[in-house]
């Protein structure tokens, strides 16, 4: 039923709450798992001494940190006999998750919701809610505590 499971991860423990569920699904269906992290376009920072745009070196450092993190997760799953790939994309998080799901023909997108409520929800929004409204395939959401 599930051949490819896309799992967006941001490096947080909250996002990792989905991993036990994905492990069970992958083992049951012998599914391929794709761990995805998205680096948003660098934001312009206004500092006292002027406008600052993160350098290529800082962007490369963030990429390397994400890559190391994803490789660590990949190794954990590979040790369980699960076929795992990693991807790092650049852009808006929700756009890249939806685009990647289509590109890899994911049968399931699995992620943890950070469970924001009240003002935090209003100010920060919810990646999970945005994906729920845009995704065109099955979505597994687990609320992180």
N, C-alpha and C. Protein backbone atom coordinates (compact mmCIF):
# COMPACT_ATOMS: atom_id res chain seq x y z
N UNK A 1 0.81 -1.19 0.00
CA UNK A 1 0.00 0.00 0.00
C UNK A 1 0.86 1.26 0.00
N UNK A 2 1.93 1.27 0.81
CA UNK A 2 2.84 2.41 0.84
C UNK A 2 4.19 1.96 0.30
N UNK A 3 4.61 2.59 -0.78
CA UNK A 3 5.91 2.28 -1.36
C UNK A 3 6.95 3.33 -0.99
N UNK A 4 6.51 4.58 -0.90
CA UNK A 4 7.42 5.69 -0.60
C UNK A 4 6.78 6.59 0.44
N UNK A 5 7.51 6.83 1.53
CA UNK A 5 7.03 7.68 2.61
C UNK A 5 7.97 8.88 2.71
N UNK A 6 7.42 10.07 2.56
CA UNK A 6 8.20 11.30 2.69
C UNK A 6 8.05 11.81 4.13
N UNK A 7 9.20 12.09 4.76
CA UNK A 7 9.21 12.51 6.16
C UNK A 7 9.99 13.82 6.30
N UNK A 8 9.28 14.94 6.39
CA UNK A 8 9.96 16.21 6.62
C UNK A 8 10.48 16.29 8.06
N UNK A 9 11.75 16.64 8.20
CA UNK A 9 12.37 16.78 9.51
C UNK A 9 13.09 18.12 9.58
N UNK A 10 13.01 18.76 10.75
CA UNK A 10 13.69 20.05 10.91
C UNK A 10 14.80 19.99 11.94
N UNK A 11 15.12 18.80 12.43
CA UNK A 11 16.19 18.66 13.40
C UNK A 11 15.73 18.73 14.85
N UNK A 12 14.44 18.98 15.05
CA UNK A 12 13.93 19.11 16.42
C UNK A 12 13.43 17.77 16.95
N UNK A 13 13.45 17.64 18.28
CA UNK A 13 12.92 16.43 18.90
C UNK A 13 11.43 16.29 18.62
N UNK A 14 10.73 17.42 18.55
CA UNK A 14 9.30 17.36 18.25
C UNK A 14 9.05 16.73 16.89
N UNK A 15 9.82 17.12 15.90
CA UNK A 15 9.64 16.56 14.56
C UNK A 15 9.93 15.07 14.55
N UNK A 16 10.84 14.64 15.41
CA UNK A 16 11.24 13.24 15.46
C UNK A 16 10.19 12.32 16.07
N UNK A 17 9.14 12.87 16.67
CA UNK A 17 8.10 12.02 17.25
C UNK A 17 7.40 11.18 16.19
N UNK A 18 7.53 11.54 14.94
CA UNK A 18 6.92 10.77 13.85
C UNK A 18 7.73 9.52 13.51
N UNK A 19 8.99 9.47 13.91
CA UNK A 19 9.90 8.43 13.43
C UNK A 19 9.49 7.01 13.81
N UNK A 20 8.98 6.81 15.00
CA UNK A 20 8.55 5.45 15.40
C UNK A 20 7.41 4.97 14.51
N UNK A 21 6.49 5.86 14.17
CA UNK A 21 5.38 5.51 13.29
C UNK A 21 5.88 5.18 11.89
N UNK A 22 6.81 5.99 11.41
CA UNK A 22 7.36 5.77 10.07
C UNK A 22 8.13 4.46 10.03
N UNK A 23 8.87 4.17 11.08
CA UNK A 23 9.61 2.91 11.15
C UNK A 23 8.67 1.72 11.02
N UNK A 24 7.56 1.76 11.76
CA UNK A 24 6.60 0.65 11.69
C UNK A 24 5.99 0.51 10.30
N UNK A 25 5.62 1.63 9.71
CA UNK A 25 5.04 1.60 8.36
C UNK A 25 6.05 1.07 7.35
N UNK A 26 7.27 1.58 7.42
CA UNK A 26 8.30 1.17 6.46
C UNK A 26 8.60 -0.32 6.58
N UNK A 27 8.69 -0.81 7.78
CA UNK A 27 8.97 -2.24 7.96
C UNK A 27 7.80 -3.10 7.52
N UNK A 28 6.60 -2.68 7.83
CA UNK A 28 5.42 -3.46 7.45
C UNK A 28 5.24 -3.54 5.93
N UNK A 29 5.42 -2.42 5.25
CA UNK A 29 5.19 -2.37 3.80
C UNK A 29 6.47 -2.45 2.96
N UNK A 30 7.63 -2.62 3.62
CA UNK A 30 8.91 -2.58 2.93
C UNK A 30 9.02 -1.31 2.08
N UNK A 31 8.61 -0.21 2.66
CA UNK A 31 8.56 1.07 1.95
C UNK A 31 9.91 1.78 2.01
N UNK A 32 10.15 2.53 0.99
CA UNK A 32 11.31 3.44 0.93
C UNK A 32 10.93 4.69 1.72
N UNK A 33 11.86 5.18 2.52
CA UNK A 33 11.64 6.39 3.31
C UNK A 33 12.56 7.49 2.79
N UNK A 34 12.01 8.68 2.64
CA UNK A 34 12.81 9.83 2.23
C UNK A 34 12.71 10.88 3.32
N UNK A 35 13.85 11.15 3.95
CA UNK A 35 13.91 12.22 4.94
C UNK A 35 14.22 13.52 4.21
N UNK A 36 13.40 14.53 4.45
CA UNK A 36 13.53 15.82 3.78
C UNK A 36 13.70 16.94 4.79
N UNK A 37 14.67 17.79 4.55
CA UNK A 37 14.80 19.04 5.30
C UNK A 37 14.79 20.18 4.30
N UNK A 38 14.20 21.27 4.70
CA UNK A 38 14.09 22.43 3.82
C UNK A 38 14.79 23.62 4.47
N UNK A 39 15.69 24.21 3.71
CA UNK A 39 16.34 25.45 4.13
C UNK A 39 15.61 26.58 3.45
N UNK A 40 15.03 27.44 4.25
CA UNK A 40 14.33 28.58 3.66
C UNK A 40 15.35 29.56 3.09
N UNK A 41 14.89 30.35 2.14
CA UNK A 41 15.76 31.37 1.57
C UNK A 41 16.27 32.26 2.69
N UNK A 42 17.53 32.66 2.61
CA UNK A 42 18.07 33.51 3.67
C UNK A 42 17.26 34.79 3.84
N UNK A 43 17.05 35.15 5.06
CA UNK A 43 16.33 36.36 5.36
C UNK A 43 17.31 37.52 5.52
N UNK A 44 16.88 38.68 5.16
CA UNK A 44 17.68 39.87 5.36
C UNK A 44 17.55 40.30 6.82
N UNK A 45 18.67 40.60 7.44
CA UNK A 45 18.69 41.01 8.83
C UNK A 45 19.12 42.47 8.88
N UNK A 46 18.36 43.27 9.60
CA UNK A 46 18.73 44.67 9.77
C UNK A 46 19.45 44.78 11.10
N UNK A 47 20.73 45.13 11.04
CA UNK A 47 21.56 45.28 12.24
C UNK A 47 21.89 46.76 12.43
N UNK A 48 22.40 47.12 13.59
CA UNK A 48 22.73 48.54 13.83
C UNK A 48 23.71 49.11 12.81
N UNK A 49 24.56 48.25 12.28
CA UNK A 49 25.56 48.73 11.32
C UNK A 49 25.12 48.56 9.87
N UNK A 50 23.87 48.23 9.64
CA UNK A 50 23.37 48.14 8.27
C UNK A 50 22.59 46.87 8.02
N UNK A 51 22.35 46.62 6.74
CA UNK A 51 21.60 45.44 6.32
C UNK A 51 22.57 44.29 6.12
N UNK A 52 22.15 43.13 6.58
CA UNK A 52 23.01 41.96 6.54
C UNK A 52 22.25 40.80 5.88
N UNK A 53 22.87 40.17 4.93
CA UNK A 53 22.32 38.97 4.30
C UNK A 53 23.30 37.85 4.61
N UNK A 54 22.82 36.73 5.14
CA UNK A 54 23.73 35.64 5.49
C UNK A 54 24.63 35.26 4.31
N UNK A 55 25.89 35.03 4.61
CA UNK A 55 26.87 34.72 3.57
C UNK A 55 26.70 33.29 3.07
N UNK A 56 27.32 33.03 1.95
CA UNK A 56 27.32 31.67 1.40
C UNK A 56 27.93 30.69 2.40
N UNK A 57 28.90 31.17 3.16
CA UNK A 57 29.56 30.32 4.15
C UNK A 57 28.57 29.90 5.24
N UNK A 58 27.75 30.83 5.71
CA UNK A 58 26.76 30.51 6.74
C UNK A 58 25.70 29.56 6.17
N UNK A 59 25.27 29.80 4.95
CA UNK A 59 24.29 28.92 4.31
C UNK A 59 24.87 27.52 4.15
N UNK A 60 26.13 27.44 3.73
CA UNK A 60 26.80 26.14 3.57
C UNK A 60 26.92 25.43 4.91
N UNK A 61 27.17 26.18 5.98
CA UNK A 61 27.27 25.59 7.31
C UNK A 61 25.92 25.00 7.73
N UNK A 62 24.84 25.74 7.49
CA UNK A 62 23.50 25.23 7.82
C UNK A 62 23.20 23.97 7.01
N UNK A 63 23.57 23.97 5.73
CA UNK A 63 23.36 22.81 4.87
C UNK A 63 24.11 21.61 5.44
N UNK A 64 25.38 21.81 5.81
CA UNK A 64 26.20 20.72 6.34
C UNK A 64 25.61 20.16 7.63
N UNK A 65 25.14 21.05 8.52
CA UNK A 65 24.54 20.59 9.77
C UNK A 65 23.28 19.76 9.51
N UNK A 66 22.45 20.21 8.57
CA UNK A 66 21.25 19.45 8.23
C UNK A 66 21.62 18.11 7.59
N UNK A 67 22.60 18.14 6.71
CA UNK A 67 23.04 16.90 6.05
C UNK A 67 23.55 15.89 7.07
N UNK A 68 24.36 16.34 8.03
CA UNK A 68 24.86 15.44 9.07
C UNK A 68 23.71 14.86 9.90
N UNK A 69 22.75 15.70 10.24
CA UNK A 69 21.58 15.26 11.00
C UNK A 69 20.79 14.20 10.22
N UNK A 70 20.53 14.48 8.94
CA UNK A 70 19.76 13.54 8.13
C UNK A 70 20.52 12.23 7.94
N UNK A 71 21.82 12.30 7.77
CA UNK A 71 22.63 11.07 7.63
C UNK A 71 22.58 10.23 8.90
N UNK A 72 22.54 10.89 10.06
CA UNK A 72 22.42 10.17 11.32
C UNK A 72 21.09 9.41 11.38
N UNK A 73 20.00 10.09 11.00
CA UNK A 73 18.69 9.44 10.97
C UNK A 73 18.66 8.32 9.93
N UNK A 74 19.29 8.57 8.79
CA UNK A 74 19.36 7.57 7.73
C UNK A 74 20.07 6.31 8.23
N UNK A 75 21.17 6.48 8.94
CA UNK A 75 21.92 5.33 9.46
C UNK A 75 21.09 4.52 10.45
N UNK A 76 20.34 5.22 11.32
CA UNK A 76 19.48 4.52 12.29
C UNK A 76 18.47 3.63 11.58
N UNK A 77 17.83 4.15 10.54
CA UNK A 77 16.83 3.38 9.81
C UNK A 77 17.48 2.28 8.96
N UNK A 78 18.62 2.59 8.36
CA UNK A 78 19.32 1.60 7.53
C UNK A 78 19.74 0.40 8.39
N UNK A 79 20.11 0.64 9.64
CA UNK A 79 20.47 -0.46 10.54
C UNK A 79 19.29 -1.38 10.83
N UNK A 80 18.09 -0.90 10.57
CA UNK A 80 16.88 -1.71 10.75
C UNK A 80 16.45 -2.36 9.44
N UNK A 81 17.25 -2.18 8.39
CA UNK A 81 16.94 -2.77 7.09
C UNK A 81 15.98 -1.96 6.25
N UNK A 82 15.82 -0.68 6.59
CA UNK A 82 14.89 0.18 5.86
C UNK A 82 15.66 0.98 4.82
N UNK A 83 15.13 1.02 3.60
CA UNK A 83 15.72 1.78 2.50
C UNK A 83 15.43 3.26 2.72
N UNK A 84 16.47 4.06 2.93
CA UNK A 84 16.30 5.47 3.27
C UNK A 84 17.14 6.35 2.36
N UNK A 85 16.52 7.43 1.91
CA UNK A 85 17.23 8.46 1.15
C UNK A 85 17.09 9.77 1.92
N UNK A 86 18.00 10.68 1.67
CA UNK A 86 17.89 12.01 2.28
C UNK A 86 17.89 13.06 1.18
N UNK A 87 17.20 14.16 1.48
CA UNK A 87 17.14 15.30 0.56
C UNK A 87 17.13 16.59 1.34
N UNK A 88 17.81 17.57 0.80
CA UNK A 88 17.76 18.93 1.33
C UNK A 88 17.34 19.82 0.19
N UNK A 89 16.27 20.56 0.41
CA UNK A 89 15.76 21.48 -0.61
C UNK A 89 15.82 22.90 -0.08
N UNK A 90 15.80 23.85 -0.99
CA UNK A 90 15.81 25.27 -0.64
C UNK A 90 14.52 25.91 -1.10
N UNK A 91 13.90 26.70 -0.24
CA UNK A 91 12.67 27.39 -0.60
C UNK A 91 11.75 27.52 0.59
N UNK A 92 10.50 27.74 0.29
CA UNK A 92 9.48 27.80 1.35
C UNK A 92 9.15 26.39 1.78
N UNK A 93 9.06 26.19 3.08
CA UNK A 93 8.92 24.85 3.64
C UNK A 93 7.72 24.11 3.06
N UNK A 94 6.55 24.69 3.12
CA UNK A 94 5.34 24.01 2.66
C UNK A 94 5.42 23.73 1.16
N UNK A 95 5.88 24.70 0.39
CA UNK A 95 6.02 24.51 -1.06
C UNK A 95 6.95 23.34 -1.37
N UNK A 96 8.08 23.30 -0.69
CA UNK A 96 9.07 22.26 -0.98
C UNK A 96 8.61 20.88 -0.54
N UNK A 97 7.88 20.80 0.56
CA UNK A 97 7.34 19.51 0.98
C UNK A 97 6.35 19.00 -0.06
N UNK A 98 5.44 19.86 -0.48
CA UNK A 98 4.44 19.46 -1.49
C UNK A 98 5.09 19.12 -2.83
N UNK A 99 6.05 19.93 -3.25
CA UNK A 99 6.75 19.67 -4.52
C UNK A 99 7.53 18.37 -4.47
N UNK A 100 8.21 18.13 -3.37
CA UNK A 100 8.99 16.90 -3.25
C UNK A 100 8.09 15.68 -3.21
N UNK A 101 6.95 15.78 -2.53
CA UNK A 101 6.01 14.66 -2.47
C UNK A 101 5.58 14.26 -3.88
N UNK A 102 5.32 15.25 -4.73
CA UNK A 102 4.94 14.95 -6.11
C UNK A 102 6.11 14.37 -6.88
N UNK A 103 7.28 15.00 -6.71
CA UNK A 103 8.46 14.58 -7.48
C UNK A 103 8.86 13.14 -7.20
N UNK A 104 8.79 12.71 -5.93
CA UNK A 104 9.19 11.35 -5.58
C UNK A 104 8.01 10.38 -5.60
N UNK A 105 6.83 10.90 -5.95
CA UNK A 105 5.61 10.11 -5.98
C UNK A 105 5.36 9.42 -4.64
N UNK A 106 5.43 10.22 -3.57
CA UNK A 106 5.22 9.69 -2.22
C UNK A 106 3.79 9.20 -2.08
N UNK A 107 3.65 8.03 -1.48
CA UNK A 107 2.33 7.47 -1.19
C UNK A 107 1.78 8.02 0.13
N UNK A 108 2.71 8.55 0.94
CA UNK A 108 2.33 9.06 2.26
C UNK A 108 3.34 10.14 2.66
N UNK A 109 2.83 11.21 3.22
CA UNK A 109 3.67 12.23 3.84
C UNK A 109 3.41 12.14 5.33
N UNK A 110 4.47 11.95 6.12
CA UNK A 110 4.32 11.74 7.56
C UNK A 110 5.12 12.79 8.32
N UNK A 111 4.43 13.51 9.20
CA UNK A 111 5.12 14.53 9.98
C UNK A 111 4.44 14.75 11.31
N UNK A 112 5.19 15.36 12.21
CA UNK A 112 4.66 15.72 13.51
C UNK A 112 4.20 17.15 13.48
N UNK A 113 3.07 17.39 14.12
CA UNK A 113 2.56 18.74 14.28
C UNK A 113 3.11 19.28 15.59
N UNK A 114 3.54 20.51 15.58
CA UNK A 114 4.09 21.09 16.80
C UNK A 114 3.00 21.50 17.78
N UNK A 115 1.74 21.43 17.34
CA UNK A 115 0.63 21.63 18.26
C UNK A 115 0.52 23.03 18.83
N UNK A 116 0.86 24.03 18.06
CA UNK A 116 0.72 25.40 18.55
C UNK A 116 -0.76 25.76 18.66
N UNK A 117 -1.05 26.55 19.67
CA UNK A 117 -2.41 27.03 19.84
C UNK A 117 -2.38 28.51 20.16
N UNK A 118 -3.53 29.13 20.17
CA UNK A 118 -3.65 30.52 20.59
C UNK A 118 -2.83 31.47 19.73
N UNK A 119 -2.16 32.41 20.40
CA UNK A 119 -1.41 33.43 19.69
C UNK A 119 -0.24 32.85 18.90
N UNK A 120 0.40 31.80 19.41
CA UNK A 120 1.51 31.20 18.68
C UNK A 120 1.04 30.71 17.31
N UNK A 121 -0.17 30.12 17.28
CA UNK A 121 -0.73 29.66 16.01
C UNK A 121 -0.98 30.82 15.07
N UNK A 122 -1.50 31.92 15.60
CA UNK A 122 -1.80 33.09 14.79
C UNK A 122 -0.52 33.69 14.22
N UNK A 123 0.51 33.85 15.06
CA UNK A 123 1.73 34.52 14.63
C UNK A 123 2.63 33.63 13.78
N UNK A 124 2.75 32.35 14.13
CA UNK A 124 3.69 31.49 13.45
C UNK A 124 3.04 30.59 12.40
N UNK A 125 1.74 30.42 12.50
CA UNK A 125 1.08 29.52 11.56
C UNK A 125 1.45 28.08 11.86
N UNK A 126 1.09 27.21 10.99
CA UNK A 126 1.38 25.80 11.18
C UNK A 126 1.73 25.18 9.85
N UNK A 127 2.92 24.63 9.78
CA UNK A 127 3.32 23.91 8.57
C UNK A 127 2.36 22.75 8.33
N UNK A 128 2.02 22.03 9.40
CA UNK A 128 1.12 20.89 9.25
C UNK A 128 -0.23 21.31 8.70
N UNK A 129 -0.78 22.41 9.21
CA UNK A 129 -2.09 22.88 8.72
C UNK A 129 -2.00 23.30 7.26
N UNK A 130 -0.93 23.97 6.89
CA UNK A 130 -0.77 24.40 5.50
C UNK A 130 -0.63 23.20 4.56
N UNK A 131 0.11 22.20 5.00
CA UNK A 131 0.26 21.00 4.17
C UNK A 131 -1.07 20.28 4.05
N UNK A 132 -1.80 20.19 5.15
CA UNK A 132 -3.11 19.54 5.13
C UNK A 132 -4.02 20.15 4.07
N UNK A 133 -3.95 21.45 3.90
CA UNK A 133 -4.80 22.13 2.92
C UNK A 133 -4.28 22.03 1.49
N UNK A 134 -3.00 21.73 1.32
CA UNK A 134 -2.42 21.74 -0.02
C UNK A 134 -2.04 20.38 -0.58
N UNK A 135 -1.79 19.43 0.27
CA UNK A 135 -1.25 18.14 -0.20
C UNK A 135 -2.31 17.36 -0.95
N UNK A 136 -1.88 16.62 -1.95
CA UNK A 136 -2.82 15.86 -2.79
C UNK A 136 -2.64 14.35 -2.60
N UNK A 137 -2.17 13.97 -1.43
CA UNK A 137 -1.95 12.54 -1.14
C UNK A 137 -2.14 12.29 0.35
N UNK A 138 -2.17 11.04 0.78
CA UNK A 138 -2.39 10.75 2.20
C UNK A 138 -1.35 11.43 3.09
N UNK A 139 -1.82 11.87 4.24
CA UNK A 139 -0.98 12.59 5.19
C UNK A 139 -1.17 11.98 6.57
N UNK A 140 -0.06 11.63 7.21
CA UNK A 140 -0.09 11.13 8.58
C UNK A 140 0.48 12.23 9.47
N UNK A 141 -0.37 12.74 10.36
CA UNK A 141 0.03 13.77 11.31
C UNK A 141 0.00 13.18 12.72
N UNK A 142 1.07 13.39 13.45
CA UNK A 142 1.13 12.98 14.84
C UNK A 142 1.41 14.24 15.65
N UNK A 143 0.60 14.47 16.65
CA UNK A 143 0.78 15.67 17.47
C UNK A 143 1.93 15.45 18.44
N UNK A 144 2.93 16.30 18.35
CA UNK A 144 4.08 16.22 19.26
C UNK A 144 3.69 16.86 20.58
N UNK A 145 4.09 16.24 21.66
CA UNK A 145 3.77 16.79 22.99
C UNK A 145 4.85 17.75 23.42
